[in-house]
Amino acid sequence: LKKSKGEAVKVLVSEAHAKTNVEKYGKSQGK
């Protein structure tokens, strides 16, 4: 996200806990 400069970021995860954490982080950044 830091290097994206507004570009979309697609994250692939296999762990449910990782999905939850990445989802929460993205939303906390206003995305």
PDB file of all heavy atoms in Angstrom:
ATOM      1  N   LEU A   1       0.824  -1.209   0.000  1.00  0.00           N
ATOM      2  CA  LEU A   1       0.000   0.000   0.000  1.00  0.00           C
ATOM      3  C   LEU A   1       0.860   1.262   0.000  1.00  0.00           C
ATOM      4  O   LEU A   1       0.510   2.249  -0.645  1.00  0.00           O
ATOM      5  CB  LEU A   1      -0.958   0.012   1.189  1.00  0.00           C
ATOM      6  CG  LEU A   1      -2.192  -0.871   1.052  1.00  0.00           C
ATOM      7  CD1 LEU A   1      -2.980  -0.902   2.358  1.00  0.00           C
ATOM      8  CD2 LEU A   1      -3.080  -0.415  -0.084  1.00  0.00           C
ATOM      9  N   LYS A   2       1.994   1.224   0.689  1.00  0.00           N
ATOM     10  CA  LYS A   2       2.884   2.382   0.726  1.00  0.00           C
ATOM     11  C   LYS A   2       3.447   2.695  -0.657  1.00  0.00           C
ATOM     12  O   LYS A   2       3.591   3.848  -1.028  1.00  0.00           O
ATOM     13  CB  LYS A   2       4.026   2.150   1.708  1.00  0.00           C
ATOM     14  CG  LYS A   2       3.619   2.338   3.140  1.00  0.00           C
ATOM     15  CD  LYS A   2       4.784   2.140   4.081  1.00  0.00           C
ATOM     16  CE  LYS A   2       4.310   2.217   5.520  1.00  0.00           C
ATOM     17  NZ  LYS A   2       5.382   1.929   6.465  1.00  0.00           N
ATOM     18  N   LYS A   3       3.774   1.655  -1.430  1.00  0.00           N
ATOM     19  CA  LYS A   3       4.369   1.899  -2.744  1.00  0.00           C
ATOM     20  C   LYS A   3       3.341   1.942  -3.872  1.00  0.00           C
ATOM     21  O   LYS A   3       3.680   2.225  -5.012  1.00  0.00           O
ATOM     22  CB  LYS A   3       5.460   0.871  -3.046  1.00  0.00           C
ATOM     23  CG  LYS A   3       4.993  -0.517  -3.346  1.00  0.00           C
ATOM     24  CD  LYS A   3       6.169  -1.403  -3.708  1.00  0.00           C
ATOM     25  CE  LYS A   3       5.683  -2.757  -4.203  1.00  0.00           C
ATOM     26  NZ  LYS A   3       6.782  -3.620  -4.607  1.00  0.00           N
ATOM     27  N   SER A   4       2.062   1.725  -3.556  1.00  0.00           N
ATOM     28  CA  SER A   4       1.028   1.634  -4.593  1.00  0.00           C
ATOM     29  C   SER A   4       0.671   2.968  -5.242  1.00  0.00           C
ATOM     30  O   SER A   4       0.198   3.001  -6.358  1.00  0.00           O
ATOM     31  CB  SER A   4      -0.240   0.990  -4.038  1.00  0.00           C
ATOM     32  OG  SER A   4      -0.896   1.872  -3.155  1.00  0.00           O
ATOM     33  N   LYS A   5       0.826   4.071  -4.514  1.00  0.00           N
ATOM     34  CA  LYS A   5       0.492   5.407  -5.030  1.00  0.00           C
ATOM     35  C   LYS A   5      -0.919   5.447  -5.624  1.00  0.00           C
ATOM     36  O   LYS A   5      -1.129   5.931  -6.731  1.00  0.00           O
ATOM     37  CB  LYS A   5       1.525   5.860  -6.048  1.00  0.00           C
ATOM     38  CG  LYS A   5       2.886   6.007  -5.430  1.00  0.00           C
ATOM     39  CD  LYS A   5       3.916   6.470  -6.408  1.00  0.00           C
ATOM     40  CE  LYS A   5       5.219   6.667  -5.663  1.00  0.00           C
ATOM     41  NZ  LYS A   5       6.376   6.246  -6.361  1.00  0.00           N
ATOM     42  N   GLY A   6      -1.890   4.891  -4.883  1.00  0.00           N
ATOM     43  CA  GLY A   6      -3.279   4.925  -5.313  1.00  0.00           C
ATOM     44  C   GLY A   6      -3.699   3.754  -6.187  1.00  0.00           C
ATOM     45  O   GLY A   6      -4.869   3.602  -6.510  1.00  0.00           O
ATOM     46  N   GLU A   7      -2.750   2.937  -6.587  1.00  0.00           N
ATOM     47  CA  GLU A   7      -3.031   1.759  -7.414  1.00  0.00           C
ATOM     48  C   GLU A   7      -3.706   0.687  -6.547  1.00  0.00           C
ATOM     49  O   GLU A   7      -3.442   0.592  -5.350  1.00  0.00           O
ATOM     50  CB  GLU A   7      -1.679   1.245  -7.929  1.00  0.00           C
ATOM     51  CG  GLU A   7      -1.741   0.230  -9.017  1.00  0.00           C
ATOM     52  CD  GLU A   7      -0.336  -0.137  -9.508  1.00  0.00           C
ATOM     53  OE1 GLU A   7       0.660   0.418  -9.019  1.00  0.00           O
ATOM     54  OE2 GLU A   7      -0.272  -1.001 -10.389  1.00  0.00           O
ATOM     55  N   ALA A   8      -4.553  -0.128  -7.148  1.00  0.00           N
ATOM     56  CA  ALA A   8      -5.224  -1.207  -6.418  1.00  0.00           C
ATOM     57  C   ALA A   8      -4.204  -2.253  -5.983  1.00  0.00           C
ATOM     58  O   ALA A   8      -3.210  -2.499  -6.664  1.00  0.00           O
ATOM     59  CB  ALA A   8      -6.288  -1.850  -7.281  1.00  0.00           C
ATOM     60  N   VAL A   9      -4.475  -2.868  -4.831  1.00  0.00           N
ATOM     61  CA  VAL A   9      -3.617  -3.932  -4.312  1.00  0.00           C
ATOM     62  C   VAL A   9      -4.481  -5.174  -4.125  1.00  0.00           C
ATOM     63  O   VAL A   9      -5.518  -5.122  -3.465  1.00  0.00           O
ATOM     64  CB  VAL A   9      -2.960  -3.522  -2.967  1.00  0.00           C
ATOM     65  CG1 VAL A   9      -2.171  -4.679  -2.374  1.00  0.00           C
ATOM     66  CG2 VAL A   9      -2.075  -2.300  -3.148  1.00  0.00           C
ATOM     67  N   LYS A  10      -4.035  -6.289  -4.708  1.00  0.00           N
ATOM     68  CA  LYS A  10      -4.727  -7.569  -4.539  1.00  0.00           C
ATOM     69  C   LYS A  10      -3.854  -8.433  -3.637  1.00  0.00           C
ATOM     70  O   LYS A  10      -2.674  -8.635  -3.916  1.00  0.00           O
ATOM     71  CB  LYS A  10      -4.906  -8.279  -5.873  1.00  0.00           C
ATOM     72  CG  LYS A  10      -5.618  -9.629  -5.756  1.00  0.00           C
ATOM     73  CD  LYS A  10      -5.504 -10.483  -7.004  1.00  0.00           C
ATOM     74  CE  LYS A  10      -6.295  -9.913  -8.132  1.00  0.00           C
ATOM     75  NZ  LYS A  10      -6.343 -10.835  -9.301  1.00  0.00           N
ATOM     76  N   VAL A  11      -4.451  -8.915  -2.535  1.00  0.00           N
ATOM     77  CA  VAL A  11      -3.717  -9.740  -1.577  1.00  0.00           C
ATOM     78  C   VAL A  11      -4.327 -11.140  -1.586  1.00  0.00           C
ATOM     79  O   VAL A  11      -5.538 -11.291  -1.415  1.00  0.00           O
ATOM     80  CB  VAL A  11      -3.771  -9.145  -0.153  1.00  0.00           C
ATOM     81  CG1 VAL A  11      -2.905  -9.960   0.798  1.00  0.00           C
ATOM     82  CG2 VAL A  11      -3.343  -7.683  -0.163  1.00  0.00           C
ATOM     83  N   LEU A  12      -3.493 -12.144  -1.775  1.00  0.00           N
ATOM     84  CA  LEU A  12      -3.936 -13.535  -1.763  1.00  0.00           C
ATOM     85  C   LEU A  12      -3.475 -14.168  -0.460  1.00  0.00           C
ATOM     86  O   LEU A  12      -2.283 -14.134  -0.133  1.00  0.00           O
ATOM     87  CB  LEU A  12      -3.330 -14.291  -2.954  1.00  0.00           C
ATOM     88  CG  LEU A  12      -3.558 -13.664  -4.320  1.00  0.00           C
ATOM     89  CD1 LEU A  12      -2.735 -14.390  -5.379  1.00  0.00           C
ATOM     90  CD2 LEU A  12      -5.029 -13.678  -4.680  1.00  0.00           C
ATOM     91  N   VAL A  13      -4.414 -14.711   0.312  1.00  0.00           N
ATOM     92  CA  VAL A  13      -4.091 -15.359   1.587  1.00  0.00           C
ATOM     93  C   VAL A  13      -4.812 -16.696   1.691  1.00  0.00           C
ATOM     94  O   VAL A  13      -5.858 -16.908   1.066  1.00  0.00           O
ATOM     95  CB  VAL A  13      -4.452 -14.471   2.808  1.00  0.00           C
ATOM     96  CG1 VAL A  13      -3.652 -13.189   2.812  1.00  0.00           C
ATOM     97  CG2 VAL A  13      -5.927 -14.163   2.866  1.00  0.00           C
ATOM     98  N   SER A  14      -4.250 -17.581   2.502  1.00  0.00           N
ATOM     99  CA  SER A  14      -4.885 -18.886   2.712  1.00  0.00           C
ATOM    100  C   SER A  14      -5.338 -19.073   4.154  1.00  0.00           C
ATOM    101  O   SER A  14      -6.074 -20.002   4.445  1.00  0.00           O
ATOM    102  CB  SER A  14      -3.919 -20.008   2.310  1.00  0.00           C
ATOM    103  OG  SER A  14      -2.683 -19.864   2.979  1.00  0.00           O
ATOM    104  N   GLU A  15      -4.907 -18.200   5.043  1.00  0.00           N
ATOM    105  CA  GLU A  15      -5.276 -18.290   6.455  1.00  0.00           C
ATOM    106  C   GLU A  15      -6.443 -17.349   6.758  1.00  0.00           C
ATOM    107  O   GLU A  15      -6.408 -16.175   6.379  1.00  0.00           O
ATOM    108  CB  GLU A  15      -4.089 -17.898   7.337  1.00  0.00           C
ATOM    109  CG  GLU A  15      -2.840 -18.741   7.128  1.00  0.00           C
ATOM    110  CD  GLU A  15      -2.985 -20.132   7.716  1.00  0.00           C
ATOM    111  OE1 GLU A  15      -3.669 -20.273   8.745  1.00  0.00           O
ATOM    112  OE2 GLU A  15      -2.420 -21.067   7.137  1.00  0.00           O
ATOM    113  N   ALA A  16      -7.467 -17.846   7.467  1.00  0.00           N
ATOM    114  CA  ALA A  16      -8.633 -17.020   7.804  1.00  0.00           C
ATOM    115  C   ALA A  16      -8.239 -15.827   8.675  1.00  0.00           C
ATOM    116  O   ALA A  16      -8.756 -14.723   8.492  1.00  0.00           O
ATOM    117  CB  ALA A  16      -9.682 -17.868   8.516  1.00  0.00           C
ATOM    118  N   HIS A  17      -7.307 -16.041   9.586  1.00  0.00           N
ATOM    119  CA  HIS A  17      -6.873 -14.961  10.479  1.00  0.00           C
ATOM    120  C   HIS A  17      -6.169 -13.859   9.669  1.00  0.00           C
ATOM    121  O   HIS A  17      -6.374 -12.673   9.912  1.00  0.00           O
ATOM    122  CB  HIS A  17      -5.942 -15.523  11.557  1.00  0.00           C
ATOM    123  CG  HIS A  17      -5.668 -14.577  12.667  1.00  0.00           C
ATOM    124  ND1 HIS A  17      -6.627 -14.215  13.586  1.00  0.00           N
ATOM    125  CD2 HIS A  17      -4.548 -13.898  13.007  1.00  0.00           C
ATOM    126  CE1 HIS A  17      -6.100 -13.360  14.440  1.00  0.00           C
ATOM    127  NE2 HIS A  17      -4.837 -13.150  14.113  1.00  0.00           N
ATOM    128  N   ALA A  18      -5.377 -14.248   8.692  1.00  0.00           N
ATOM    129  CA  ALA A  18      -4.693 -13.269   7.833  1.00  0.00           C
ATOM    130  C   ALA A  18      -5.719 -12.475   7.036  1.00  0.00           C
ATOM    131  O   ALA A  18      -5.586 -11.257   6.876  1.00  0.00           O
ATOM    132  CB  ALA A  18      -3.705 -13.972   6.907  1.00  0.00           C
ATOM    133  N   LYS A  19      -6.756 -13.146   6.544  1.00  0.00           N
ATOM    134  CA  LYS A  19      -7.816 -12.460   5.789  1.00  0.00           C
ATOM    135  C   LYS A  19      -8.451 -11.381   6.652  1.00  0.00           C
ATOM    136  O   LYS A  19      -8.605 -10.242   6.229  1.00  0.00           O
ATOM    137  CB  LYS A  19      -8.886 -13.453   5.333  1.00  0.00           C
ATOM    138  CG  LYS A  19     -10.085 -12.776   4.669  1.00  0.00           C
ATOM    139  CD  LYS A  19     -11.290 -13.682   4.575  1.00  0.00           C
ATOM    140  CE  LYS A  19     -12.043 -13.872   5.826  1.00  0.00           C
ATOM    141  NZ  LYS A  19     -13.002 -12.864   6.234  1.00  0.00           N
ATOM    142  N   THR A  20      -8.785 -11.739   7.884  1.00  0.00           N
ATOM    143  CA  THR A  20      -9.424 -10.783   8.788  1.00  0.00           C
ATOM    144  C   THR A  20      -8.521  -9.586   9.058  1.00  0.00           C
ATOM    145  O   THR A  20      -8.956  -8.438   8.991  1.00  0.00           O
ATOM    146  CB  THR A  20      -9.783 -11.482  10.122  1.00  0.00           C
ATOM    147  OG1 THR A  20     -10.656 -12.577   9.832  1.00  0.00           O
ATOM    148  CG2 THR A  20     -10.464 -10.528  11.077  1.00  0.00           C
ATOM    149  N   ASN A  21      -7.240  -9.856   9.335  1.00  0.00           N
ATOM    150  CA  ASN A  21      -6.308  -8.775   9.655  1.00  0.00           C
ATOM    151  C   ASN A  21      -6.065  -7.847   8.465  1.00  0.00           C
ATOM    152  O   ASN A  21      -6.042  -6.624   8.628  1.00  0.00           O
ATOM    153  CB  ASN A  21      -4.983  -9.340  10.157  1.00  0.00           C
ATOM    154  CG  ASN A  21      -5.090  -9.921  11.544  1.00  0.00           C
ATOM    155  OD1 ASN A  21      -6.042  -9.639  12.270  1.00  0.00           O
ATOM    156  ND2 ASN A  21      -4.141 -10.748  11.922  1.00  0.00           N
ATOM    157  N   VAL A  22      -5.883  -8.416   7.281  1.00  0.00           N
ATOM    158  CA  VAL A  22      -5.639  -7.600   6.089  1.00  0.00           C
ATOM    159  C   VAL A  22      -6.885  -6.781   5.747  1.00  0.00           C
ATOM    160  O   VAL A  22      -6.796  -5.598   5.414  1.00  0.00           O
ATOM    161  CB  VAL A  22      -5.198  -8.483   4.890  1.00  0.00           C
ATOM    162  CG1 VAL A  22      -5.183  -7.698   3.590  1.00  0.00           C
ATOM    163  CG2 VAL A  22      -3.828  -9.094   5.161  1.00  0.00           C
ATOM    164  N   GLU A  23      -8.051  -7.390   5.863  1.00  0.00           N
ATOM    165  CA  GLU A  23      -9.309  -6.687   5.596  1.00  0.00           C
ATOM    166  C   GLU A  23      -9.481  -5.503   6.561  1.00  0.00           C
ATOM    167  O   GLU A  23      -9.785  -4.381   6.136  1.00  0.00           O
ATOM    168  CB  GLU A  23     -10.482  -7.661   5.734  1.00  0.00           C
ATOM    169  CG  GLU A  23     -11.827  -7.055   5.431  1.00  0.00           C
ATOM    170  CD  GLU A  23     -12.972  -8.056   5.559  1.00  0.00           C
ATOM    171  OE1 GLU A  23     -12.768  -9.175   6.072  1.00  0.00           O
ATOM    172  OE2 GLU A  23     -14.080  -7.704   5.138  1.00  0.00           O
ATOM    173  N   LYS A  24      -9.272  -5.731   7.843  1.00  0.00           N
ATOM    174  CA  LYS A  24      -9.395  -4.660   8.842  1.00  0.00           C
ATOM    175  C   LYS A  24      -8.384  -3.544   8.574  1.00  0.00           C
ATOM    176  O   LYS A  24      -8.705  -2.369   8.692  1.00  0.00           O
ATOM    177  CB  LYS A  24      -9.176  -5.206  10.259  1.00  0.00           C
ATOM    178  CG  LYS A  24     -10.345  -5.958  10.811  1.00  0.00           C
ATOM    179  CD  LYS A  24     -10.032  -6.420  12.230  1.00  0.00           C
ATOM    180  CE  LYS A  24     -11.148  -7.244  12.814  1.00  0.00           C
ATOM    181  NZ  LYS A  24     -10.832  -7.725  14.169  1.00  0.00           N
ATOM    182  N   TYR A  25      -7.161  -3.928   8.225  1.00  0.00           N
ATOM    183  CA  TYR A  25      -6.130  -2.921   7.970  1.00  0.00           C
ATOM    184  C   TYR A  25      -6.504  -2.045   6.777  1.00  0.00           C
ATOM    185  O   TYR A  25      -6.402  -0.822   6.843  1.00  0.00           O
ATOM    186  CB  TYR A  25      -4.761  -3.578   7.738  1.00  0.00           C
ATOM    187  CG  TYR A  25      -3.710  -2.549   7.415  1.00  0.00           C
ATOM    188  CD1 TYR A  25      -3.202  -1.728   8.418  1.00  0.00           C
ATOM    189  CD2 TYR A  25      -3.261  -2.364   6.126  1.00  0.00           C
ATOM    190  CE1 TYR A  25      -2.265  -0.754   8.132  1.00  0.00           C
ATOM    191  CE2 TYR A  25      -2.316  -1.399   5.822  1.00  0.00           C
ATOM    192  CZ  TYR A  25      -1.825  -0.598   6.836  1.00  0.00           C
ATOM    193  OH  TYR A  25      -0.897   0.376   6.552  1.00  0.00           O
ATOM    194  N   GLY A  26      -6.949  -2.676   5.688  1.00  0.00           N
ATOM    195  CA  GLY A  26      -7.346  -1.909   4.505  1.00  0.00           C
ATOM    196  C   GLY A  26      -8.438  -0.907   4.826  1.00  0.00           C
ATOM    197  O   GLY A  26      -8.372   0.263   4.431  1.00  0.00           O
ATOM    198  N   LYS A  27      -9.429  -1.333   5.580  1.00  0.00           N
ATOM    199  CA  LYS A  27     -10.537  -0.443   5.959  1.00  0.00           C
ATOM    200  C   LYS A  27     -10.052   0.674   6.885  1.00  0.00           C
ATOM    201  O   LYS A  27     -10.514   1.803   6.778  1.00  0.00           O
ATOM    202  CB  LYS A  27     -11.663  -1.243   6.617  1.00  0.00           C
ATOM    203  CG  LYS A  27     -12.418  -2.113   5.623  1.00  0.00           C
ATOM    204  CD  LYS A  27     -13.514  -2.926   6.288  1.00  0.00           C
ATOM    205  CE  LYS A  27     -14.257  -3.767   5.266  1.00  0.00           C
ATOM    206  NZ  LYS A  27     -15.285  -4.597   5.886  1.00  0.00           N
ATOM    207  N   SER A  28      -9.102   0.355   7.764  1.00  0.00           N
ATOM    208  CA  SER A  28      -8.586   1.374   8.682  1.00  0.00           C
ATOM    209  C   SER A  28      -7.802   2.454   7.944  1.00  0.00           C
ATOM    210  O   SER A  28      -7.623   3.555   8.455  1.00  0.00           O
ATOM    211  CB  SER A  28      -7.700   0.732   9.753  1.00  0.00           C
ATOM    212  OG  SER A  28      -6.416   0.417   9.246  1.00  0.00           O
ATOM    213  N   GLN A  29      -7.369   2.144   6.730  1.00  0.00           N
ATOM    214  CA  GLN A  29      -6.635   3.105   5.912  1.00  0.00           C
ATOM    215  C   GLN A  29      -7.570   3.905   4.997  1.00  0.00           C
ATOM    216  O   GLN A  29      -7.114   4.649   4.132  1.00  0.00           O
ATOM    217  CB  GLN A  29      -5.575   2.388   5.065  1.00  0.00           C
ATOM    218  CG  GLN A  29      -4.524   1.662   5.887  1.00  0.00           C
ATOM    219  CD  GLN A  29      -3.809   2.597   6.843  1.00  0.00           C
ATOM    220  OE1 GLN A  29      -3.180   3.558   6.426  1.00  0.00           O
ATOM    221  NE2 GLN A  29      -3.921   2.332   8.135  1.00  0.00           N
ATOM    222  N   GLY A  30      -8.885   3.697   5.185  1.00  0.00           N
ATOM    223  CA  GLY A  30      -9.864   4.433   4.396  1.00  0.00           C
ATOM    224  C   GLY A  30     -10.045   3.890   2.986  1.00  0.00           C
ATOM    225  O   GLY A  30     -10.554   4.590   2.114  1.00  0.00           O
ATOM    226  N   LYS A  31      -9.653   2.649   2.773  1.00  0.00           N
ATOM    227  CA  LYS A  31      -9.742   2.035   1.448  1.00  0.00           C
ATOM    228  C   LYS A  31     -11.010   1.200   1.315  1.00  0.00           C
ATOM    229  O   LYS A  31     -11.568   0.730   2.302  1.00  0.00           O
ATOM    230  CB  LYS A  31      -8.529   1.116   1.204  1.00  0.00           C
ATOM    231  CG  LYS A  31      -7.186   1.792   1.362  1.00  0.00           C
ATOM    232  CD  LYS A  31      -6.918   2.746   0.249  1.00  0.00           C
ATOM    233  CE  LYS A  31      -5.506   3.297   0.343  1.00  0.00           C
ATOM    234  NZ  LYS A  31      -5.228   4.270  -0.687  1.00  0.00           N
TER     235      LYS A  31
END
